[in-house]
PDB file of N, CA and C in Angstrom:
ATOM      1  N   MET A   1     -29.323  33.084  22.864  1.00  0.00           N
ATOM      2  CA  MET A   1     -29.977  32.221  22.844  1.00  0.00           C
ATOM      3  C   MET A   1     -30.037  31.795  21.074  1.00  0.00           C
ATOM      4  N   ILE A   2     -29.639  30.950  21.116  1.00  0.00           N
ATOM      5  CA  ILE A   2     -29.040  30.645  19.225  1.00  0.00           C
ATOM      6  C   ILE A   2     -30.588  29.642  18.851  1.00  0.00           C
ATOM      7  N   ASP A   3     -31.080  30.356  17.668  1.00  0.00           N
ATOM      8  CA  ASP A   3     -32.334  29.876  17.216  1.00  0.00           C
ATOM      9  C   ASP A   3     -31.593  29.077  15.698  1.00  0.00           C
ATOM     10  N   TRP A   4     -31.797  27.040  16.794  1.00  0.00           N
ATOM     11  CA  TRP A   4     -31.140  26.016  15.956  1.00  0.00           C
ATOM     12  C   TRP A   4     -31.540  26.026  14.320  1.00  0.00           C
ATOM     13  N   ASN A   5     -32.937  26.475  13.799  1.00  0.00           N
ATOM     14  CA  ASN A   5     -33.606  25.987  13.023  1.00  0.00           C
ATOM     15  C   ASN A   5     -33.206  27.245  12.116  1.00  0.00           C
ATOM     16  N   GLN A   6     -33.192  28.822  12.676  1.00  0.00           N
ATOM     17  CA  GLN A   6     -32.416  29.804  11.766  1.00  0.00           C
ATOM     18  C   GLN A   6     -30.870  29.410  11.012  1.00  0.00           C
ATOM     19  N   VAL A   7     -30.047  28.587  12.162  1.00  0.00           N
ATOM     20  CA  VAL A   7     -28.413  28.745  11.986  1.00  0.00           C
ATOM     21  C   VAL A   7     -28.917  27.116  10.425  1.00  0.00           C
ATOM     22  N   ARG A   8     -29.852  26.403  10.488  1.00  0.00           N
ATOM     23  CA  ARG A   8     -29.692  25.026   9.546  1.00  0.00           C
ATOM     24  C   ARG A   8     -30.217  25.603   8.532  1.00  0.00           C
ATOM     25  N   LYS A   9     -31.566  26.634   8.581  1.00  0.00           N
ATOM     26  CA  LYS A   9     -31.394  27.815   7.547  1.00  0.00           C
ATOM     27  C   LYS A   9     -30.957  27.564   6.594  1.00  0.00           C
ATOM     28  N   PHE A  10     -29.487  28.701   7.040  1.00  0.00           N
ATOM     29  CA  PHE A  10     -28.526  29.358   6.354  1.00  0.00           C
ATOM     30  C   PHE A  10     -27.268  28.428   6.631  1.00  0.00           C
ATOM     31  N   ARG A  11     -27.430  27.580   6.644  1.00  0.00           N
ATOM     32  CA  ARG A  11     -25.956  26.503   7.025  1.00  0.00           C
ATOM     33  C   ARG A  11     -24.465  26.423   5.874  1.00  0.00           C
ATOM     34  N   HIS A  12     -25.454  26.880   4.841  1.00  0.00           N
ATOM     35  CA  HIS A  12     -24.164  26.608   3.207  1.00  0.00           C
ATOM     36  C   HIS A  12     -24.435  28.106   2.618  1.00  0.00           C
ATOM     37  N   VAL A  13     -23.559  28.217   2.001  1.00  0.00           N
ATOM     38  CA  VAL A  13     -23.468  29.436   1.181  1.00  0.00           C
ATOM     39  C   VAL A  13     -24.427  29.332  -0.412  1.00  0.00           C
ATOM     40  N   THR A  14     -24.573  30.683  -0.339  1.00  0.00           N
ATOM     41  CA  THR A  14     -25.853  30.395  -1.377  1.00  0.00           C
ATOM     42  C   THR A  14     -25.022  30.134  -2.894  1.00  0.00           C
ATOM     43  N   GLU A  15     -24.030  30.747  -2.812  1.00  0.00           N
ATOM     44  CA  GLU A  15     -23.114  30.675  -4.047  1.00  0.00           C
ATOM     45  C   GLU A  15     -22.942  28.882  -4.576  1.00  0.00           C
ATOM     46  N   SER A  16     -22.408  29.014  -6.023  1.00  0.00           N
ATOM     47  CA  SER A  16     -22.490  27.784  -6.210  1.00  0.00           C
ATOM     48  C   SER A  16     -21.163  26.946  -6.259  1.00  0.00           C
ATOM     49  N   SER A  17     -20.949  26.300  -5.828  1.00  0.00           N
ATOM     50  CA  SER A  17     -19.585  25.474  -5.463  1.00  0.00           C
ATOM     51  C   SER A  17     -18.884  25.450  -6.728  1.00  0.00           C
ATOM     52  N   PRO A  18     -17.079  24.728  -6.028  1.00  0.00           N
ATOM     53  CA  PRO A  18     -16.624  25.232  -7.480  1.00  0.00           C
ATOM     54  C   PRO A  18     -16.766  24.018  -8.623  1.00  0.00           C
ATOM     55  N   PRO A  19     -16.336  23.742  -9.053  1.00  0.00           N
ATOM     56  CA  PRO A  19     -16.699  22.812 -10.208  1.00  0.00           C
ATOM     57  C   PRO A  19     -16.097  21.800 -10.033  1.00  0.00           C
ATOM     58  N   GLU A  20     -14.850  21.752  -9.987  1.00  0.00           N
ATOM     59  CA  GLU A  20     -13.916  20.633  -9.168  1.00  0.00           C
ATOM     60  C   GLU A  20     -14.643  19.982  -7.840  1.00  0.00           C
ATOM     61  N   TRP A  21     -15.398  20.384  -7.228  1.00  0.00           N
ATOM     62  CA  TRP A  21     -16.270  19.701  -6.100  1.00  0.00           C
ATOM     63  C   TRP A  21     -16.893  18.267  -6.941  1.00  0.00           C
ATOM     64  N   PRO A  22     -17.111  17.606  -6.039  1.00  0.00           N
ATOM     65  CA  PRO A  22     -18.159  16.188  -6.495  1.00  0.00           C
ATOM     66  C   PRO A  22     -19.530  17.170  -6.161  1.00  0.00           C
ATOM     67  N   ALA A  23     -20.137  16.230  -6.824  1.00  0.00           N
ATOM     68  CA  ALA A  23     -22.056  16.923  -6.910  1.00  0.00           C
ATOM     69  C   ALA A  23     -22.334  17.015  -5.671  1.00  0.00           C
ATOM     70  N   GLY A  24     -23.073  17.606  -4.989  1.00  0.00           N
ATOM     71  CA  GLY A  24     -24.102  17.545  -3.556  1.00  0.00           C
ATOM     72  C   GLY A  24     -23.089  18.269  -2.865  1.00  0.00           C
ATOM     73  N   VAL A  25     -21.980  18.594  -2.962  1.00  0.00           N
ATOM     74  CA  VAL A  25     -20.675  19.159  -2.268  1.00  0.00           C
ATOM     75  C   VAL A  25     -20.624  20.682  -2.032  1.00  0.00           C
ATOM     76  N   LYS A  26     -21.228  21.361  -0.690  1.00  0.00           N
ATOM     77  CA  LYS A  26     -21.965  22.861  -0.662  1.00  0.00           C
ATOM     78  C   LYS A  26     -20.941  23.454   0.601  1.00  0.00           C
ATOM     79  N   ALA A  27     -20.141  24.402   0.134  1.00  0.00           N
ATOM     80  CA  ALA A  27     -19.116  25.196   1.261  1.00  0.00           C
ATOM     81  C   ALA A  27     -20.487  25.598   1.874  1.00  0.00           C
ATOM     82  N   ILE A  28     -19.760  25.519   3.252  1.00  0.00           N
ATOM     83  CA  ILE A  28     -20.734  25.804   4.819  1.00  0.00           C
ATOM     84  C   ILE A  28     -20.616  26.836   4.696  1.00  0.00           C
ATOM     85  N   SER A  29     -21.421  28.125   5.645  1.00  0.00           N
ATOM     86  CA  SER A  29     -21.610  29.858   5.496  1.00  0.00           C
ATOM     87  C   SER A  29     -20.837  29.360   6.966  1.00  0.00           C
ATOM     88  N   LEU A  30     -20.735  30.852   7.285  1.00  0.00           N
ATOM     89  CA  LEU A  30     -20.142  31.035   8.769  1.00  0.00           C
ATOM     90  C   LEU A  30     -21.349  30.969   9.871  1.00  0.00           C
ATOM     91  N   GLU A  31     -22.691  31.071   9.414  1.00  0.00           N
ATOM     92  CA  GLU A  31     -23.558  30.802  10.429  1.00  0.00           C
ATOM     93  C   GLU A  31     -23.403  29.019  10.587  1.00  0.00           C
ATOM     94  N   GLY A  32     -23.308  28.771   9.184  1.00  0.00           N
ATOM     95  CA  GLY A  32     -23.439  26.869   9.309  1.00  0.00           C
ATOM     96  C   GLY A  32     -22.328  26.859  10.246  1.00  0.00           C
ATOM     97  N   VAL A  33     -21.504  26.765  10.735  1.00  0.00           N
ATOM     98  CA  VAL A  33     -20.106  26.861  11.275  1.00  0.00           C
ATOM     99  C   VAL A  33     -20.782  26.118  12.504  1.00  0.00           C
ATOM    100  N   THR A  34     -21.545  27.322  12.915  1.00  0.00           N
ATOM    101  CA  THR A  34     -22.137  26.625  14.504  1.00  0.00           C
ATOM    102  C   THR A  34     -22.437  25.126  14.337  1.00  0.00           C
ATOM    103  N   LEU A  35     -22.555  24.662  13.603  1.00  0.00           N
ATOM    104  CA  LEU A  35     -23.120  23.166  13.674  1.00  0.00           C
ATOM    105  C   LEU A  35     -22.331  22.400  14.136  1.00  0.00           C
ATOM    106  N   LEU A  36     -20.679  22.905  13.722  1.00  0.00           N
ATOM    107  CA  LEU A  36     -19.704  22.065  13.668  1.00  0.00           C
ATOM    108  C   LEU A  36     -19.737  21.679  15.532  1.00  0.00           C
ATOM    109  N   GLY A  37     -19.584  20.405  16.043  1.00  0.00           N
ATOM    110  CA  GLY A  37     -19.015  20.483  17.432  1.00  0.00           C
ATOM    111  C   GLY A  37     -18.542  19.307  17.842  1.00  0.00           C
ATOM    112  N   ILE A  38     -17.819  19.600  19.152  1.00  0.00           N
ATOM    113  CA  ILE A  38     -16.413  18.150  19.503  1.00  0.00           C
ATOM    114  C   ILE A  38     -17.190  17.729  20.602  1.00  0.00           C
ATOM    115  N   HIS A  39     -17.214  16.237  20.924  1.00  0.00           N
ATOM    116  CA  HIS A  39     -17.648  15.866  22.043  1.00  0.00           C
ATOM    117  C   HIS A  39     -16.396  16.034  23.051  1.00  0.00           C
ATOM    118  N   GLN A  40     -16.882  15.936  24.559  1.00  0.00           N
ATOM    119  CA  GLN A  40     -16.269  16.966  25.260  1.00  0.00           C
ATOM    120  C   GLN A  40     -15.191  15.868  25.525  1.00  0.00           C
ATOM    121  N   SER A  41     -14.922  14.697  25.694  1.00  0.00           N
ATOM    122  CA  SER A  41     -14.536  13.617  26.292  1.00  0.00           C
ATOM    123  C   SER A  41     -13.936  12.937  25.254  1.00  0.00           C
ATOM    124  N   THR A  42     -14.366  12.735  24.152  1.00  0.00           N
ATOM    125  CA  THR A  42     -14.024  11.507  23.210  1.00  0.00           C
ATOM    126  C   THR A  42     -12.751  12.465  21.938  1.00  0.00           C
ATOM    127  N   GLY A  43     -13.393  13.527  21.983  1.00  0.00           N
ATOM    128  CA  GLY A  43     -12.928  14.645  20.555  1.00  0.00           C
ATOM    129  C   GLY A  43     -13.398  14.670  19.521  1.00  0.00           C
ATOM    130  N   GLU A  44     -14.008  13.967  19.025  1.00  0.00           N
ATOM    131  CA  GLU A  44     -15.176  13.396  18.193  1.00  0.00           C
ATOM    132  C   GLU A  44     -15.848  15.082  17.593  1.00  0.00           C
ATOM    133  N   LEU A  45     -15.513  14.587  16.183  1.00  0.00           N
ATOM    134  CA  LEU A  45     -16.040  15.774  15.689  1.00  0.00           C
ATOM    135  C   LEU A  45     -17.690  15.198  15.345  1.00  0.00           C
ATOM    136  N   TYR A  46     -18.745  16.193  15.530  1.00  0.00           N
ATOM    137  CA  TYR A  46     -20.018  16.209  14.610  1.00  0.00           C
ATOM    138  C   TYR A  46     -20.343  17.350  13.926  1.00  0.00           C
ATOM    139  N   TRP A  47     -21.275  17.142  13.053  1.00  0.00           N
ATOM    140  CA  TRP A  47     -21.963  18.307  12.160  1.00  0.00           C
ATOM    141  C   TRP A  47     -23.378  17.961  12.554  1.00  0.00           C
ATOM    142  N   ASP A  48     -23.925  19.085  13.403  1.00  0.00           N
ATOM    143  CA  ASP A  48     -25.488  18.964  13.280  1.00  0.00           C
ATOM    144  C   ASP A  48     -26.046  17.545  13.990  1.00  0.00           C
ATOM    145  N   GLY A  49     -25.097  17.178  15.168  1.00  0.00           N
ATOM    146  CA  GLY A  49     -25.142  15.926  16.012  1.00  0.00           C
ATOM    147  C   GLY A  49     -25.145  14.911  15.644  1.00  0.00           C
ATOM    148  N   GLN A  50     -24.625  14.449  14.234  1.00  0.00           N
ATOM    149  CA  GLN A  50     -24.272  13.492  13.621  1.00  0.00           C
ATOM    150  C   GLN A  50     -22.997  13.109  13.537  1.00  0.00           C
ATOM    151  N   ALA A  51     -22.290  12.465  13.705  1.00  0.00           N
ATOM    152  CA  ALA A  51     -20.473  12.346  13.997  1.00  0.00           C
ATOM    153  C   ALA A  51     -20.257  12.131  12.528  1.00  0.00           C
ATOM    154  N   VAL A  52     -18.942  12.958  12.277  1.00  0.00           N
ATOM    155  CA  VAL A  52     -18.185  13.089  11.035  1.00  0.00           C
ATOM    156  C   VAL A  52     -17.438  11.793  11.130  1.00  0.00           C
ATOM    157  N   VAL A  53     -17.491  10.941  10.196  1.00  0.00           N
ATOM    158  CA  VAL A  53     -16.547   9.697   9.821  1.00  0.00           C
ATOM    159  C   VAL A  53     -15.798   9.940   8.664  1.00  0.00           C
ATOM    160  N   THR A  54     -14.466  10.068   9.429  1.00  0.00           N
ATOM    161  CA  THR A  54     -13.099  10.451   8.854  1.00  0.00           C
ATOM    162  C   THR A  54     -12.250   9.450   8.180  1.00  0.00           C
ATOM    163  N   GLU A  55     -12.165   8.356   8.622  1.00  0.00           N
ATOM    164  CA  GLU A  55     -11.496   6.934   8.343  1.00  0.00           C
ATOM    165  C   GLU A  55     -12.356   6.449   7.083  1.00  0.00           C
ATOM    166  N   LYS A  56     -11.201   5.873   6.531  1.00  0.00           N
ATOM    167  CA  LYS A  56     -11.354   5.216   5.201  1.00  0.00           C
ATOM    168  C   LYS A  56     -10.764   3.704   5.136  1.00  0.00           C
ATOM    169  N   ARG A  57     -11.678   2.590   5.012  1.00  0.00           N
ATOM    170  CA  ARG A  57     -11.049   0.988   5.612  1.00  0.00           C
ATOM    171  C   ARG A  57     -10.827   0.794   3.947  1.00  0.00           C
ATOM    172  N   LEU A  58      -9.543  -0.017   4.182  1.00  0.00           N
ATOM    173  CA  LEU A  58      -9.172  -0.615   2.680  1.00  0.00           C
ATOM    174  C   LEU A  58     -10.602  -1.472   2.562  1.00  0.00           C
ATOM    175  N   ALA A  59     -10.281  -2.154   1.251  1.00  0.00           N
ATOM    176  CA  ALA A  59     -11.566  -3.097   0.428  1.00  0.00           C
ATOM    177  C   ALA A  59     -11.031  -4.227   0.852  1.00  0.00           C
ATOM    178  N   ASN A  60     -11.197  -5.450   0.710  1.00  0.00           N
ATOM    179  CA  ASN A  60     -10.619  -6.337   0.913  1.00  0.00           C
ATOM    180  C   ASN A  60      -9.894  -7.445   0.023  1.00  0.00           C
ATOM    181  N   TYR A  61      -9.463  -6.777  -1.056  1.00  0.00           N
ATOM    182  CA  TYR A  61      -8.872  -6.970  -1.966  1.00  0.00           C
ATOM    183  C   TYR A  61      -7.489  -6.146  -1.743  1.00  0.00           C
ATOM    184  N   GLU A  62      -7.488  -5.003  -1.175  1.00  0.00           N
ATOM    185  CA  GLU A  62      -6.469  -4.402  -0.905  1.00  0.00           C
ATOM    186  C   GLU A  62      -5.814  -4.952  -0.149  1.00  0.00           C
ATOM    187  N   ARG A  63      -6.463  -5.379   1.144  1.00  0.00           N
ATOM    188  CA  ARG A  63      -6.216  -6.015   1.915  1.00  0.00           C
ATOM    189  C   ARG A  63      -4.952  -7.427   2.656  1.00  0.00           C
ATOM    190  N   ARG A  64      -6.125  -8.087   0.753  1.00  0.00           N
ATOM    191  CA  ARG A  64      -4.984  -9.251   0.560  1.00  0.00           C
ATOM    192  C   ARG A  64      -3.696  -8.783  -0.081  1.00  0.00           C
ATOM    193  N   LEU A  65      -3.820  -8.090  -0.953  1.00  0.00           N
ATOM    194  CA  LEU A  65      -2.935  -7.669  -1.322  1.00  0.00           C
ATOM    195  C   LEU A  65      -1.565  -7.057  -0.707  1.00  0.00           C
ATOM    196  N   ALA A  66      -1.908  -6.015   0.395  1.00  0.00           N
ATOM    197  CA  ALA A  66      -0.830  -5.463   1.260  1.00  0.00           C
ATOM    198  C   ALA A  66      -0.225  -7.136   1.898  1.00  0.00           C
ATOM    199  N   LEU A  67      -1.483  -8.097   2.235  1.00  0.00           N
ATOM    200  CA  LEU A  67      -0.786  -8.802   3.077  1.00  0.00           C
ATOM    201  C   LEU A  67       0.484  -9.886   1.972  1.00  0.00           C
ATOM    202  N   ALA A  68      -0.235 -10.061   1.078  1.00  0.00           N
ATOM    203  CA  ALA A  68       0.917 -10.683  -0.185  1.00  0.00           C
ATOM    204  C   ALA A  68       2.326  -9.887  -0.423  1.00  0.00           C
ATOM    205  N   VAL A  69       2.382  -8.695  -0.202  1.00  0.00           N
ATOM    206  CA  VAL A  69       3.567  -7.797  -0.792  1.00  0.00           C
ATOM    207  C   VAL A  69       4.191  -8.243   0.839  1.00  0.00           C
ATOM    208  N   THR A  70       3.577  -8.129   1.829  1.00  0.00           N
ATOM    209  CA  THR A  70       4.050  -8.170   3.343  1.00  0.00           C
ATOM    210  C   THR A  70       5.104  -9.849   3.573  1.00  0.00           C
ATOM    211  N   ILE A  71       4.150 -10.929   3.485  1.00  0.00           N
ATOM    212  CA  ILE A  71       4.728 -11.929   2.813  1.00  0.00           C
ATOM    213  C   ILE A  71       5.991 -12.034   2.010  1.00  0.00           C
ATOM    214  N   ALA A  72       5.950 -11.274   0.675  1.00  0.00           N
ATOM    215  CA  ALA A  72       6.523 -11.590  -0.052  1.00  0.00           C
ATOM    216  C   ALA A  72       8.083 -10.653   0.508  1.00  0.00           C
ATOM    217  N   THR A  73       7.719  -9.693   0.952  1.00  0.00           N
ATOM    218  CA  THR A  73       9.028  -8.806   1.507  1.00  0.00           C
ATOM    219  C   THR A  73       9.719  -9.405   2.547  1.00  0.00           C
ATOM    220  N   GLY A  74       8.882 -10.361   3.918  1.00  0.00           N
ATOM    221  CA  GLY A  74       9.661 -11.122   4.300  1.00  0.00           C
ATOM    222  C   GLY A  74      10.569 -12.085   4.083  1.00  0.00           C
ATOM    223  N   VAL A  75       9.496 -12.699   3.105  1.00  0.00           N
ATOM    224  CA  VAL A  75      10.853 -13.822   2.030  1.00  0.00           C
ATOM    225  C   VAL A  75      11.745 -13.326   1.543  1.00  0.00           C
ATOM    226  N   MET A  76      12.001 -12.634   0.935  1.00  0.00           N
ATOM    227  CA  MET A  76      13.051 -11.777   0.122  1.00  0.00           C
ATOM    228  C   MET A  76      13.980 -11.297   1.340  1.00  0.00           C
ATOM    229  N   ALA A  77      13.738 -10.561   2.381  1.00  0.00           N
ATOM    230  CA  ALA A  77      14.398 -10.327   3.754  1.00  0.00           C
ATOM    231  C   ALA A  77      15.373 -11.669   4.056  1.00  0.00           C
ATOM    232  N   VAL A  78      14.377 -13.067   4.311  1.00  0.00           N
ATOM    233  CA  VAL A  78      15.086 -14.049   4.783  1.00  0.00           C
ATOM    234  C   VAL A  78      15.879 -14.880   3.987  1.00  0.00           C
ATOM    235  N   ILE A  79      15.685 -14.515   2.624  1.00  0.00           N
ATOM    236  CA  ILE A  79      16.954 -15.105   1.676  1.00  0.00           C
ATOM    237  C   ILE A  79      17.658 -14.234   1.438  1.00  0.00           C
ATOM    238  N   GLU A  80      17.643 -12.618   1.559  1.00  0.00           N
ATOM    239  CA  GLU A  80      19.159 -11.666   1.533  1.00  0.00           C
ATOM    240  C   GLU A  80      19.409 -12.067   2.561  1.00  0.00           C
ATOM    241  N   ALA A  81      18.847 -12.127   4.130  1.00  0.00           N
ATOM    242  CA  ALA A  81      20.009 -12.340   4.797  1.00  0.00           C
ATOM    243  C   ALA A  81      20.763 -14.210   4.839  1.00  0.00           C
ATOM    244  N   GLY A  82      20.219 -14.976   4.304  1.00  0.00           N
ATOM    245  CA  GLY A  82      20.637 -16.029   3.893  1.00  0.00           C
ATOM    246  C   GLY A  82      21.758 -15.699   3.265  1.00  0.00           C
ATOM    247  N   ARG A  83      21.617 -15.285   2.220  1.00  0.00           N
ATOM    248  CA  ARG A  83      23.035 -14.958   1.121  1.00  0.00           C
ATOM    249  C   ARG A  83      24.085 -14.736   2.268  1.00  0.00           C
ATOM    250  N   ALA A  84      23.786 -13.153   2.499  1.00  0.00           N
ATOM    251  CA  ALA A  84      24.525 -12.399   3.481  1.00  0.00           C
ATOM    252  C   ALA A  84      25.767 -13.252   4.237  1.00  0.00           C
ATOM    253  N   ALA A  85      25.127 -14.637   5.002  1.00  0.00           N
ATOM    254  CA  ALA A  85      25.403 -14.927   6.214  1.00  0.00           C
ATOM    255  C   ALA A  85      26.365 -16.389   5.485  1.00  0.00           C
ATOM    256  N   GLY A  86      26.087 -16.403   4.189  1.00  0.00           N
ATOM    257  CA  GLY A  86      26.782 -17.484   3.523  1.00  0.00           C
ATOM    258  C   GLY A  86      25.802 -18.936   3.252  1.00  0.00           C
ATOM    259  N   TRP A  87      24.494 -18.720   4.229  1.00  0.00           N
ATOM    260  CA  TRP A  87      23.934 -20.096   4.208  1.00  0.00           C
ATOM    261  C   TRP A  87      23.066 -20.310   2.969  1.00  0.00           C
ATOM    262  N   ILE A  88      23.274 -19.562   1.673  1.00  0.00           N
ATOM    263  CA  ILE A  88      22.347 -19.589   0.781  1.00  0.00           C
ATOM    264  C   ILE A  88      23.522 -19.170  -0.590  1.00  0.00           C
ATOM    265  N   THR A  89      23.920 -20.011  -1.805  1.00  0.00           N
ATOM    266  CA  THR A  89      24.418 -19.453  -2.655  1.00  0.00           C
ATOM    267  C   THR A  89      23.808 -19.203  -4.093  1.00  0.00           C
ATOM    268  N   HIS A  90      24.159 -18.667  -5.401  1.00  0.00           N
ATOM    269  CA  HIS A  90      23.389 -18.864  -6.505  1.00  0.00           C
ATOM    270  C   HIS A  90      23.404 -20.291  -7.105  1.00  0.00           C
TER     271      HIS A  90
END
């Protein structure tokens, strides 16, 4: 039987993290890997019973910029199609 309190006690390695890692991020020990789990029906990843969030959503201004670029690309495609068909001349 697994002693979960013991696993949680040693979930991280005792050595310092690499200097290029963000502050507060620690490596998982081999014993700590036991705290990783996968939901059987959804396949979602969990760490010590909490869902691991792996998606990053675009900010509002990034969405607006993507929409503007999409619209501009569509307009340019219509203009170029019109030129190719001879509907639009320089």
